[in-house]
Amino acid sequence: MPEPLEPLILGLLEWLSARPRPYPEVMEAWRTSCPRLPVWEEANDRGLIARRRTGAVMMISLTPIGRALLDRNRHPAPTGAPVAASAAPGEP
């Protein structure tokens, strides 16, 4: 049985794969106070995401390890099916 956190981590990686995002935006969308669902903390501990300062803004992006995990777990869309844009939880 897959670990319950894995789909959430993959969701975070998918969301970040579109573009690097400012740290405050990532925290607003993905930080949790629930000790059973530490998506942000787990992704950091596993080296899946990187923090890089660009001027005064801390940007969050995928590491090569995070990109590889995401690529291994992506399922190709059925032929002719539209590809949906990834959104963070709570985003339309």
Protein backbone atom coordinates (compact mmCIF):
# COMPACT_ATOMS: atom_id res chain seq x y z
CA MET A 1 0.00 0.00 0.00
CA PRO A 2 1.45 3.40 -0.95
CA GLU A 3 2.31 5.80 1.82
CA PRO A 4 -0.59 8.29 2.26
CA LEU A 5 1.78 11.25 2.07
CA GLU A 6 3.23 10.31 -1.32
CA PRO A 7 0.32 11.62 -3.47
CA LEU A 8 0.46 14.94 -1.61
CA ILE A 9 4.21 15.24 -2.14
CA LEU A 10 3.73 14.49 -5.83
CA GLY A 11 1.04 17.20 -5.91
CA LEU A 12 3.49 19.71 -4.44
CA LEU A 13 6.15 18.71 -6.98
CA GLU A 14 3.67 18.95 -9.85
CA TRP A 15 2.63 22.43 -8.68
CA LEU A 16 6.26 23.56 -8.44
CA SER A 17 7.15 22.03 -11.81
CA ALA A 18 5.23 24.77 -13.64
CA ARG A 19 7.60 27.46 -12.34
CA PRO A 20 9.64 28.38 -9.26
CA ARG A 21 7.42 30.04 -6.68
CA PRO A 22 8.10 32.58 -3.93
CA TYR A 23 8.45 31.05 -0.48
CA PRO A 24 5.43 32.93 0.97
CA GLU A 25 3.22 31.56 -1.83
CA VAL A 26 4.43 28.01 -1.16
CA MET A 27 3.85 28.35 2.57
CA GLU A 28 0.36 29.74 2.03
CA ALA A 29 -0.58 26.84 -0.23
CA TRP A 30 1.28 23.87 1.29
CA ARG A 31 2.29 24.36 4.90
CA THR A 32 0.37 22.29 7.39
CA SER A 33 0.20 22.22 11.15
CA CYS A 34 -1.04 18.63 11.10
CA PRO A 35 1.78 16.36 12.30
CA ARG A 36 0.37 13.49 10.24
CA LEU A 37 0.63 15.36 6.92
CA PRO A 38 4.01 17.12 6.83
CA VAL A 39 4.17 17.59 3.05
CA TRP A 40 6.55 20.56 3.07
CA GLU A 41 8.80 19.06 5.74
CA GLU A 42 8.99 15.66 4.03
CA ALA A 43 9.77 17.17 0.63
CA ASN A 44 12.59 19.17 2.23
CA ASP A 45 13.97 16.21 4.17
CA ARG A 46 14.04 14.07 1.03
CA GLY A 47 15.87 16.75 -0.99
CA LEU A 48 13.00 17.13 -3.48
CA ILE A 49 12.80 20.93 -3.37
CA ALA A 50 15.39 23.69 -3.35
CA ARG A 51 15.42 27.17 -1.89
CA ARG A 52 17.28 29.89 -3.80
CA ARG A 53 17.42 33.58 -2.93
CA THR A 54 16.76 35.86 -5.88
CA GLY A 55 17.28 39.40 -4.69
CA ALA A 56 15.08 39.83 -1.62
CA VAL A 57 12.81 36.88 -2.48
CA MET A 58 13.37 33.24 -1.53
CA MET A 59 12.27 31.08 -4.48
CA ILE A 60 11.28 27.42 -4.23
CA SER A 61 11.81 24.99 -7.10
CA LEU A 62 12.35 21.30 -7.79
CA THR A 63 15.73 19.68 -7.34
CA PRO A 64 16.91 17.13 -9.90
CA ILE A 65 15.83 14.43 -7.40
CA GLY A 66 12.37 16.00 -7.14
CA ARG A 67 12.08 16.28 -10.94
CA ALA A 68 13.09 12.62 -11.36
CA LEU A 69 10.55 11.45 -8.76
CA LEU A 70 7.82 13.46 -10.45
CA ASP A 71 8.75 12.16 -13.91
CA ARG A 72 8.73 8.54 -12.68
CA ASN A 73 5.27 8.97 -11.20
CA ARG A 74 3.54 10.91 -13.96
CA HIS A 75 0.96 8.99 -15.92
CA PRO A 76 0.60 9.86 -19.59
CA ALA A 77 -2.72 11.45 -20.50
CA PRO A 78 -4.96 9.32 -22.70
CA THR A 79 -4.67 10.16 -26.39
CA GLY A 80 -6.74 13.25 -27.18
CA ALA A 81 -7.35 14.09 -23.52
CA PRO A 82 -6.71 17.71 -22.49
CA VAL A 83 -3.90 18.27 -20.04
CA ALA A 84 -5.10 20.17 -16.96
CA ALA A 85 -2.97 22.84 -15.34
CA SER A 86 -1.78 22.04 -11.83
CA ALA A 87 -3.16 24.12 -9.01
CA ALA A 88 -2.32 24.26 -5.36
CA PRO A 89 -4.96 23.18 -2.88
CA GLY A 90 -7.63 25.86 -2.78
CA GLU A 91 -6.66 27.35 -6.16
CA PRO A 92 -9.28 27.22 -8.94
